[in-house]
Amino acid sequence: MLATIVFPTGLATVVASPEGVAAARGALYLFAVVSFWALILAVRQVSKVVTALLRALLVLLALAALGAVAVAIIAQVALAIGPH
């Protein structure tokens, strides 16, 4: 959710509402948890996989999940700092 502020000069700015920030923070927490779970699952399955192609796929999945966790953490920090 966004709130639009109109200044007396006619300029307008759009700022995030507290409800929107809370919703984004909740979605990012969920995204980080699911990504971390996928990372752990992929790492645990790598030792059980026989074929090299499936092992490479699981390693790629683990790397993607690690990147997703990093993005979620960076987004959390950006939400905490605010638009400065």
PDB file of N, CA and C in Angstrom:
ATOM      1  N   MET A   1       0.841  -1.170   0.000  1.00  0.00           N
ATOM      2  CA  MET A   1       0.000   0.000   0.000  1.00  0.00           C
ATOM      3  C   MET A   1       0.890   1.239   0.000  1.00  0.00           C
ATOM      4  N   LEU A   2       0.451   2.228  -0.708  1.00  0.00           N
ATOM      5  CA  LEU A   2       1.202   3.466  -0.797  1.00  0.00           C
ATOM      6  C   LEU A   2       0.302   4.629  -0.431  1.00  0.00           C
ATOM      7  N   ALA A   3       0.909   5.650   0.108  1.00  0.00           N
ATOM      8  CA  ALA A   3       0.189   6.870   0.432  1.00  0.00           C
ATOM      9  C   ALA A   3       0.775   7.995  -0.413  1.00  0.00           C
ATOM     10  N   THR A   4      -0.067   8.787  -1.015  1.00  0.00           N
ATOM     11  CA  THR A   4       0.388   9.912  -1.831  1.00  0.00           C
ATOM     12  C   THR A   4       0.236  11.187  -1.025  1.00  0.00           C
ATOM     13  N   ILE A   5       1.323  11.931  -0.946  1.00  0.00           N
ATOM     14  CA  ILE A   5       1.314  13.209  -0.238  1.00  0.00           C
ATOM     15  C   ILE A   5       1.423  14.311  -1.284  1.00  0.00           C
ATOM     16  N   VAL A   6       0.479  15.247  -1.274  1.00  0.00           N
ATOM     17  CA  VAL A   6       0.498  16.367  -2.219  1.00  0.00           C
ATOM     18  C   VAL A   6       0.892  17.616  -1.444  1.00  0.00           C
ATOM     19  N   PHE A   7       1.957  18.250  -1.892  1.00  0.00           N
ATOM     20  CA  PHE A   7       2.444  19.458  -1.243  1.00  0.00           C
ATOM     21  C   PHE A   7       1.706  20.675  -1.792  1.00  0.00           C
ATOM     22  N   PRO A   8       1.692  21.792  -1.050  1.00  0.00           N
ATOM     23  CA  PRO A   8       0.998  22.995  -1.527  1.00  0.00           C
ATOM     24  C   PRO A   8       1.527  23.504  -2.868  1.00  0.00           C
ATOM     25  N   THR A   9       2.751  23.189  -3.201  1.00  0.00           N
ATOM     26  CA  THR A   9       3.308  23.647  -4.480  1.00  0.00           C
ATOM     27  C   THR A   9       2.798  22.824  -5.653  1.00  0.00           C
ATOM     28  N   GLY A  10       2.045  21.770  -5.376  1.00  0.00           N
ATOM     29  CA  GLY A  10       1.518  20.933  -6.440  1.00  0.00           C
ATOM     30  C   GLY A  10       2.343  19.679  -6.674  1.00  0.00           C
ATOM     31  N   LEU A  11       3.509  19.607  -6.047  1.00  0.00           N
ATOM     32  CA  LEU A  11       4.334  18.412  -6.172  1.00  0.00           C
ATOM     33  C   LEU A  11       3.742  17.294  -5.328  1.00  0.00           C
ATOM     34  N   ALA A  12       3.899  16.105  -5.781  1.00  0.00           N
ATOM     35  CA  ALA A  12       3.378  14.949  -5.045  1.00  0.00           C
ATOM     36  C   ALA A  12       4.507  13.944  -4.850  1.00  0.00           C
ATOM     37  N   THR A  13       4.455  13.258  -3.754  1.00  0.00           N
ATOM     38  CA  THR A  13       5.417  12.188  -3.494  1.00  0.00           C
ATOM     39  C   THR A  13       4.656  10.963  -3.013  1.00  0.00           C
ATOM     40  N   VAL A  14       5.221   9.824  -3.254  1.00  0.00           N
ATOM     41  CA  VAL A  14       4.596   8.575  -2.846  1.00  0.00           C
ATOM     42  C   VAL A  14       5.480   7.938  -1.785  1.00  0.00           C
ATOM     43  N   VAL A  15       4.892   7.638  -0.644  1.00  0.00           N
ATOM     44  CA  VAL A  15       5.629   6.988   0.442  1.00  0.00           C
ATOM     45  C   VAL A  15       4.905   5.703   0.816  1.00  0.00           C
ATOM     46  N   ALA A  16       5.653   4.791   1.365  1.00  0.00           N
ATOM     47  CA  ALA A  16       5.070   3.518   1.776  1.00  0.00           C
ATOM     48  C   ALA A  16       4.270   3.704   3.057  1.00  0.00           C
ATOM     49  N   SER A  17       3.115   3.083   3.101  1.00  0.00           N
ATOM     50  CA  SER A  17       2.307   3.137   4.314  1.00  0.00           C
ATOM     51  C   SER A  17       2.835   2.103   5.304  1.00  0.00           C
ATOM     52  N   PRO A  18       2.573   2.281   6.588  1.00  0.00           N
ATOM     53  CA  PRO A  18       3.033   1.296   7.578  1.00  0.00           C
ATOM     54  C   PRO A  18       2.477  -0.105   7.328  1.00  0.00           C
ATOM     55  N   GLU A  19       1.236  -0.180   6.833  1.00  0.00           N
ATOM     56  CA  GLU A  19       0.659  -1.496   6.545  1.00  0.00           C
ATOM     57  C   GLU A  19       1.403  -2.178   5.400  1.00  0.00           C
ATOM     58  N   GLY A  20       1.766  -1.395   4.396  1.00  0.00           N
ATOM     59  CA  GLY A  20       2.505  -1.950   3.267  1.00  0.00           C
ATOM     60  C   GLY A  20       3.891  -2.428   3.666  1.00  0.00           C
ATOM     61  N   VAL A  21       4.553  -1.655   4.530  1.00  0.00           N
ATOM     62  CA  VAL A  21       5.878  -2.056   5.007  1.00  0.00           C
ATOM     63  C   VAL A  21       5.775  -3.327   5.836  1.00  0.00           C
ATOM     64  N   ALA A  22       4.766  -3.423   6.682  1.00  0.00           N
ATOM     65  CA  ALA A  22       4.583  -4.633   7.492  1.00  0.00           C
ATOM     66  C   ALA A  22       4.281  -5.843   6.610  1.00  0.00           C
ATOM     67  N   ALA A  23       3.476  -5.651   5.578  1.00  0.00           N
ATOM     68  CA  ALA A  23       3.171  -6.755   4.663  1.00  0.00           C
ATOM     69  C   ALA A  23       4.415  -7.186   3.900  1.00  0.00           C
ATOM     70  N   ALA A  24       5.205  -6.221   3.450  1.00  0.00           N
ATOM     71  CA  ALA A  24       6.446  -6.557   2.742  1.00  0.00           C
ATOM     72  C   ALA A  24       7.414  -7.282   3.660  1.00  0.00           C
ATOM     73  N   ARG A  25       7.509  -6.830   4.898  1.00  0.00           N
ATOM     74  CA  ARG A  25       8.406  -7.486   5.856  1.00  0.00           C
ATOM     75  C   ARG A  25       7.957  -8.926   6.111  1.00  0.00           C
ATOM     76  N   GLY A  26       6.665  -9.148   6.258  1.00  0.00           N
ATOM     77  CA  GLY A  26       6.159 -10.509   6.456  1.00  0.00           C
ATOM     78  C   GLY A  26       6.414 -11.399   5.254  1.00  0.00           C
ATOM     79  N   ALA A  27       6.206 -10.854   4.061  1.00  0.00           N
ATOM     80  CA  ALA A  27       6.468 -11.632   2.845  1.00  0.00           C
ATOM     81  C   ALA A  27       7.946 -11.957   2.711  1.00  0.00           C
ATOM     82  N   LEU A  28       8.810 -11.014   3.085  1.00  0.00           N
ATOM     83  CA  LEU A  28      10.249 -11.272   3.004  1.00  0.00           C
ATOM     84  C   LEU A  28      10.693 -12.315   4.022  1.00  0.00           C
ATOM     85  N   TYR A  29      10.113 -12.293   5.222  1.00  0.00           N
ATOM     86  CA  TYR A  29      10.427 -13.338   6.204  1.00  0.00           C
ATOM     87  C   TYR A  29      10.025 -14.710   5.669  1.00  0.00           C
ATOM     88  N   LEU A  30       8.837 -14.792   5.097  1.00  0.00           N
ATOM     89  CA  LEU A  30       8.373 -16.062   4.534  1.00  0.00           C
ATOM     90  C   LEU A  30       9.282 -16.508   3.390  1.00  0.00           C
ATOM     91  N   PHE A  31       9.659 -15.578   2.527  1.00  0.00           N
ATOM     92  CA  PHE A  31      10.554 -15.871   1.412  1.00  0.00           C
ATOM     93  C   PHE A  31      11.906 -16.378   1.914  1.00  0.00           C
ATOM     94  N   ALA A  32      12.441 -15.745   2.960  1.00  0.00           N
ATOM     95  CA  ALA A  32      13.733 -16.166   3.505  1.00  0.00           C
ATOM     96  C   ALA A  32      13.649 -17.555   4.119  1.00  0.00           C
ATOM     97  N   VAL A  33      12.568 -17.847   4.831  1.00  0.00           N
ATOM     98  CA  VAL A  33      12.418 -19.164   5.462  1.00  0.00           C
ATOM     99  C   VAL A  33      12.292 -20.257   4.408  1.00  0.00           C
ATOM    100  N   VAL A  34      11.475 -20.026   3.395  1.00  0.00           N
ATOM    101  CA  VAL A  34      11.305 -21.031   2.337  1.00  0.00           C
ATOM    102  C   VAL A  34      12.610 -21.229   1.568  1.00  0.00           C
ATOM    103  N   SER A  35      13.325 -20.151   1.297  1.00  0.00           N
ATOM    104  CA  SER A  35      14.597 -20.261   0.585  1.00  0.00           C
ATOM    105  C   SER A  35      15.630 -21.007   1.410  1.00  0.00           C
ATOM    106  N   PHE A  36      15.685 -20.728   2.702  1.00  0.00           N
ATOM    107  CA  PHE A  36      16.637 -21.420   3.575  1.00  0.00           C
ATOM    108  C   PHE A  36      16.286 -22.903   3.668  1.00  0.00           C
ATOM    109  N   TRP A  37      14.998 -23.210   3.741  1.00  0.00           N
ATOM    110  CA  TRP A  37      14.566 -24.607   3.775  1.00  0.00           C
ATOM    111  C   TRP A  37      14.972 -25.317   2.486  1.00  0.00           C
ATOM    112  N   ALA A  38      14.796 -24.661   1.346  1.00  0.00           N
ATOM    113  CA  ALA A  38      15.197 -25.257   0.063  1.00  0.00           C
ATOM    114  C   ALA A  38      16.703 -25.466   0.004  1.00  0.00           C
ATOM    115  N   LEU A  39      17.456 -24.536   0.569  1.00  0.00           N
ATOM    116  CA  LEU A  39      18.910 -24.674   0.608  1.00  0.00           C
ATOM    117  C   LEU A  39      19.320 -25.892   1.422  1.00  0.00           C
ATOM    118  N   ILE A  40      18.748 -26.050   2.608  1.00  0.00           N
ATOM    119  CA  ILE A  40      19.071 -27.197   3.463  1.00  0.00           C
ATOM    120  C   ILE A  40      18.655 -28.498   2.788  1.00  0.00           C
ATOM    121  N   LEU A  41      17.475 -28.525   2.205  1.00  0.00           N
ATOM    122  CA  LEU A  41      16.993 -29.730   1.525  1.00  0.00           C
ATOM    123  C   LEU A  41      17.917 -30.114   0.370  1.00  0.00           C
ATOM    124  N   ALA A  42      18.332 -29.136  -0.419  1.00  0.00           N
ATOM    125  CA  ALA A  42      19.205 -29.431  -1.558  1.00  0.00           C
ATOM    126  C   ALA A  42      20.565 -29.936  -1.098  1.00  0.00           C
ATOM    127  N   VAL A  43      21.118 -29.337  -0.058  1.00  0.00           N
ATOM    128  CA  VAL A  43      22.430 -29.769   0.434  1.00  0.00           C
ATOM    129  C   VAL A  43      22.356 -31.180   1.002  1.00  0.00           C
ATOM    130  N   ARG A  44      21.289 -31.506   1.696  1.00  0.00           N
ATOM    131  CA  ARG A  44      21.155 -32.856   2.263  1.00  0.00           C
ATOM    132  C   ARG A  44      20.959 -33.910   1.184  1.00  0.00           C
ATOM    133  N   GLN A  45      20.319 -33.553   0.082  1.00  0.00           N
ATOM    134  CA  GLN A  45      20.045 -34.524  -0.968  1.00  0.00           C
ATOM    135  C   GLN A  45      21.234 -34.758  -1.896  1.00  0.00           C
ATOM    136  N   VAL A  46      22.203 -33.836  -1.918  1.00  0.00           N
ATOM    137  CA  VAL A  46      23.328 -33.966  -2.846  1.00  0.00           C
ATOM    138  C   VAL A  46      24.098 -35.256  -2.603  1.00  0.00           C
ATOM    139  N   SER A  47      24.284 -35.633  -1.352  1.00  0.00           N
ATOM    140  CA  SER A  47      25.060 -36.843  -1.061  1.00  0.00           C
ATOM    141  C   SER A  47      24.313 -38.115  -1.453  1.00  0.00           C
ATOM    142  N   LYS A  48      23.008 -38.062  -1.590  1.00  0.00           N
ATOM    143  CA  LYS A  48      22.204 -39.242  -1.910  1.00  0.00           C
ATOM    144  C   LYS A  48      22.000 -39.435  -3.411  1.00  0.00           C
ATOM    145  N   VAL A  49      22.284 -38.419  -4.190  1.00  0.00           N
ATOM    146  CA  VAL A  49      22.007 -38.469  -5.623  1.00  0.00           C
ATOM    147  C   VAL A  49      23.132 -39.203  -6.343  1.00  0.00           C
ATOM    148  N   VAL A  50      22.762 -40.049  -7.282  1.00  0.00           N
ATOM    149  CA  VAL A  50      23.736 -40.856  -8.008  1.00  0.00           C
ATOM    150  C   VAL A  50      24.189 -40.163  -9.292  1.00  0.00           C
ATOM    151  N   THR A  51      23.262 -39.621 -10.057  1.00  0.00           N
ATOM    152  CA  THR A  51      23.627 -39.065 -11.359  1.00  0.00           C
ATOM    153  C   THR A  51      24.236 -37.672 -11.204  1.00  0.00           C
ATOM    154  N   ALA A  52      25.176 -37.392 -12.063  1.00  0.00           N
ATOM    155  CA  ALA A  52      25.874 -36.105 -12.009  1.00  0.00           C
ATOM    156  C   ALA A  52      24.956 -34.954 -12.409  1.00  0.00           C
ATOM    157  N   LEU A  53      24.042 -35.202 -13.342  1.00  0.00           N
ATOM    158  CA  LEU A  53      23.144 -34.141 -13.792  1.00  0.00           C
ATOM    159  C   LEU A  53      22.206 -33.696 -12.671  1.00  0.00           C
ATOM    160  N   LEU A  54      21.648 -34.659 -11.954  1.00  0.00           N
ATOM    161  CA  LEU A  54      20.761 -34.301 -10.847  1.00  0.00           C
ATOM    162  C   LEU A  54      21.540 -33.641  -9.713  1.00  0.00           C
ATOM    163  N   ARG A  55      22.770 -34.088  -9.496  1.00  0.00           N
ATOM    164  CA  ARG A  55      23.607 -33.467  -8.469  1.00  0.00           C
ATOM    165  C   ARG A  55      23.896 -32.013  -8.841  1.00  0.00           C
ATOM    166  N   ALA A  56      24.188 -31.756 -10.113  1.00  0.00           N
ATOM    167  CA  ALA A  56      24.435 -30.385 -10.561  1.00  0.00           C
ATOM    168  C   ALA A  56      23.173 -29.534 -10.417  1.00  0.00           C
ATOM    169  N   LEU A  57      22.017 -30.126 -10.703  1.00  0.00           N
ATOM    170  CA  LEU A  57      20.756 -29.406 -10.542  1.00  0.00           C
ATOM    171  C   LEU A  57      20.520 -29.030  -9.081  1.00  0.00           C
ATOM    172  N   LEU A  58      20.815 -29.945  -8.166  1.00  0.00           N
ATOM    173  CA  LEU A  58      20.641 -29.645  -6.744  1.00  0.00           C
ATOM    174  C   LEU A  58      21.627 -28.581  -6.269  1.00  0.00           C
ATOM    175  N   VAL A  59      22.836 -28.593  -6.798  1.00  0.00           N
ATOM    176  CA  VAL A  59      23.803 -27.553  -6.441  1.00  0.00           C
ATOM    177  C   VAL A  59      23.316 -26.195  -6.949  1.00  0.00           C
ATOM    178  N   LEU A  60      22.772 -26.158  -8.164  1.00  0.00           N
ATOM    179  CA  LEU A  60      22.210 -24.905  -8.682  1.00  0.00           C
ATOM    180  C   LEU A  60      21.022 -24.436  -7.848  1.00  0.00           C
ATOM    181  N   LEU A  61      20.185 -25.377  -7.413  1.00  0.00           N
ATOM    182  CA  LEU A  61      19.062 -25.031  -6.546  1.00  0.00           C
ATOM    183  C   LEU A  61      19.558 -24.464  -5.221  1.00  0.00           C
ATOM    184  N   ALA A  62      20.603 -25.060  -4.669  1.00  0.00           N
ATOM    185  CA  ALA A  62      21.167 -24.560  -3.418  1.00  0.00           C
ATOM    186  C   ALA A  62      21.737 -23.157  -3.596  1.00  0.00           C
ATOM    187  N   LEU A  63      22.416 -22.913  -4.701  1.00  0.00           N
ATOM    188  CA  LEU A  63      22.957 -21.576  -4.951  1.00  0.00           C
ATOM    189  C   LEU A  63      21.849 -20.547  -5.150  1.00  0.00           C
ATOM    190  N   ALA A  64      20.787 -20.932  -5.846  1.00  0.00           N
ATOM    191  CA  ALA A  64      19.652 -20.021  -6.031  1.00  0.00           C
ATOM    192  C   ALA A  64      18.976 -19.716  -4.698  1.00  0.00           C
ATOM    193  N   ALA A  65      18.845 -20.730  -3.854  1.00  0.00           N
ATOM    194  CA  ALA A  65      18.237 -20.516  -2.539  1.00  0.00           C
ATOM    195  C   ALA A  65      19.117 -19.618  -1.680  1.00  0.00           C
ATOM    196  N   LEU A  66      20.427 -19.798  -1.757  1.00  0.00           N
ATOM    197  CA  LEU A  66      21.341 -18.943  -1.002  1.00  0.00           C
ATOM    198  C   LEU A  66      21.239 -17.495  -1.483  1.00  0.00           C
ATOM    199  N   GLY A  67      21.138 -17.307  -2.787  1.00  0.00           N
ATOM    200  CA  GLY A  67      20.946 -15.961  -3.321  1.00  0.00           C
ATOM    201  C   GLY A  67      19.624 -15.356  -2.888  1.00  0.00           C
ATOM    202  N   ALA A  68      18.586 -16.168  -2.826  1.00  0.00           N
ATOM    203  CA  ALA A  68      17.277 -15.672  -2.389  1.00  0.00           C
ATOM    204  C   ALA A  68      17.308 -15.253  -0.926  1.00  0.00           C
ATOM    205  N   VAL A  69      18.017 -16.018  -0.098  1.00  0.00           N
ATOM    206  CA  VAL A  69      18.165 -15.634   1.313  1.00  0.00           C
ATOM    207  C   VAL A  69      18.912 -14.307   1.408  1.00  0.00           C
ATOM    208  N   ALA A  70      19.961 -14.142   0.606  1.00  0.00           N
ATOM    209  CA  ALA A  70      20.720 -12.890   0.618  1.00  0.00           C
ATOM    210  C   ALA A  70      19.849 -11.711   0.187  1.00  0.00           C
ATOM    211  N   VAL A  71      19.043 -11.898  -0.835  1.00  0.00           N
ATOM    212  CA  VAL A  71      18.148 -10.829  -1.295  1.00  0.00           C
ATOM    213  C   VAL A  71      17.138 -10.471  -0.210  1.00  0.00           C
ATOM    214  N   ALA A  72      16.597 -11.478   0.466  1.00  0.00           N
ATOM    215  CA  ALA A  72      15.626 -11.215   1.533  1.00  0.00           C
ATOM    216  C   ALA A  72      16.270 -10.451   2.683  1.00  0.00           C
ATOM    217  N   ILE A  73      17.504 -10.787   3.028  1.00  0.00           N
ATOM    218  CA  ILE A  73      18.195 -10.081   4.112  1.00  0.00           C
ATOM    219  C   ILE A  73      18.493  -8.642   3.704  1.00  0.00           C
ATOM    220  N   ILE A  74      18.956  -8.439   2.478  1.00  0.00           N
ATOM    221  CA  ILE A  74      19.234  -7.081   2.002  1.00  0.00           C
ATOM    222  C   ILE A  74      17.951  -6.253   1.969  1.00  0.00           C
ATOM    223  N   ALA A  75      16.850  -6.849   1.552  1.00  0.00           N
ATOM    224  CA  ALA A  75      15.572  -6.128   1.527  1.00  0.00           C
ATOM    225  C   ALA A  75      15.113  -5.778   2.934  1.00  0.00           C
ATOM    226  N   GLN A  76      15.343  -6.670   3.900  1.00  0.00           N
ATOM    227  CA  GLN A  76      14.986  -6.370   5.285  1.00  0.00           C
ATOM    228  C   GLN A  76      15.784  -5.171   5.794  1.00  0.00           C
ATOM    229  N   VAL A  77      17.073  -5.135   5.483  1.00  0.00           N
ATOM    230  CA  VAL A  77      17.911  -4.008   5.901  1.00  0.00           C
ATOM    231  C   VAL A  77      17.439  -2.724   5.228  1.00  0.00           C
ATOM    232  N   ALA A  78      17.084  -2.802   3.956  1.00  0.00           N
ATOM    233  CA  ALA A  78      16.587  -1.618   3.250  1.00  0.00           C
ATOM    234  C   ALA A  78      15.277  -1.121   3.855  1.00  0.00           C
ATOM    235  N   LEU A  79      14.405  -2.043   4.260  1.00  0.00           N
ATOM    236  CA  LEU A  79      13.158  -1.626   4.913  1.00  0.00           C
ATOM    237  C   LEU A  79      13.428  -0.998   6.271  1.00  0.00           C
ATOM    238  N   ALA A  80      14.420  -1.525   6.992  1.00  0.00           N
ATOM    239  CA  ALA A  80      14.727  -0.985   8.317  1.00  0.00           C
ATOM    240  C   ALA A  80      15.347   0.405   8.217  1.00  0.00           C
ATOM    241  N   ILE A  81      16.192   0.618   7.217  1.00  0.00           N
ATOM    242  CA  ILE A  81      16.856   1.915   7.063  1.00  0.00           C
ATOM    243  C   ILE A  81      15.883   2.962   6.548  1.00  0.00           C
ATOM    244  N   GLY A  82      15.057   2.579   5.612  1.00  0.00           N
ATOM    245  CA  GLY A  82      14.093   3.522   5.053  1.00  0.00           C
ATOM    246  C   GLY A  82      14.657   4.244   3.846  1.00  0.00           C
ATOM    247  N   PRO A  83      13.864   5.119   3.255  1.00  0.00           N
ATOM    248  CA  PRO A  83      14.291   5.812   2.024  1.00  0.00           C
ATOM    249  C   PRO A  83      15.174   7.023   2.307  1.00  0.00           C
ATOM    250  N   HIS A  84      16.421   6.787   2.667  1.00  0.00           N
ATOM    251  CA  HIS A  84      17.336   7.911   2.944  1.00  0.00           C
ATOM    252  C   HIS A  84      18.351   8.049   1.864  1.00  0.00           C
TER     253      HIS A  84
END
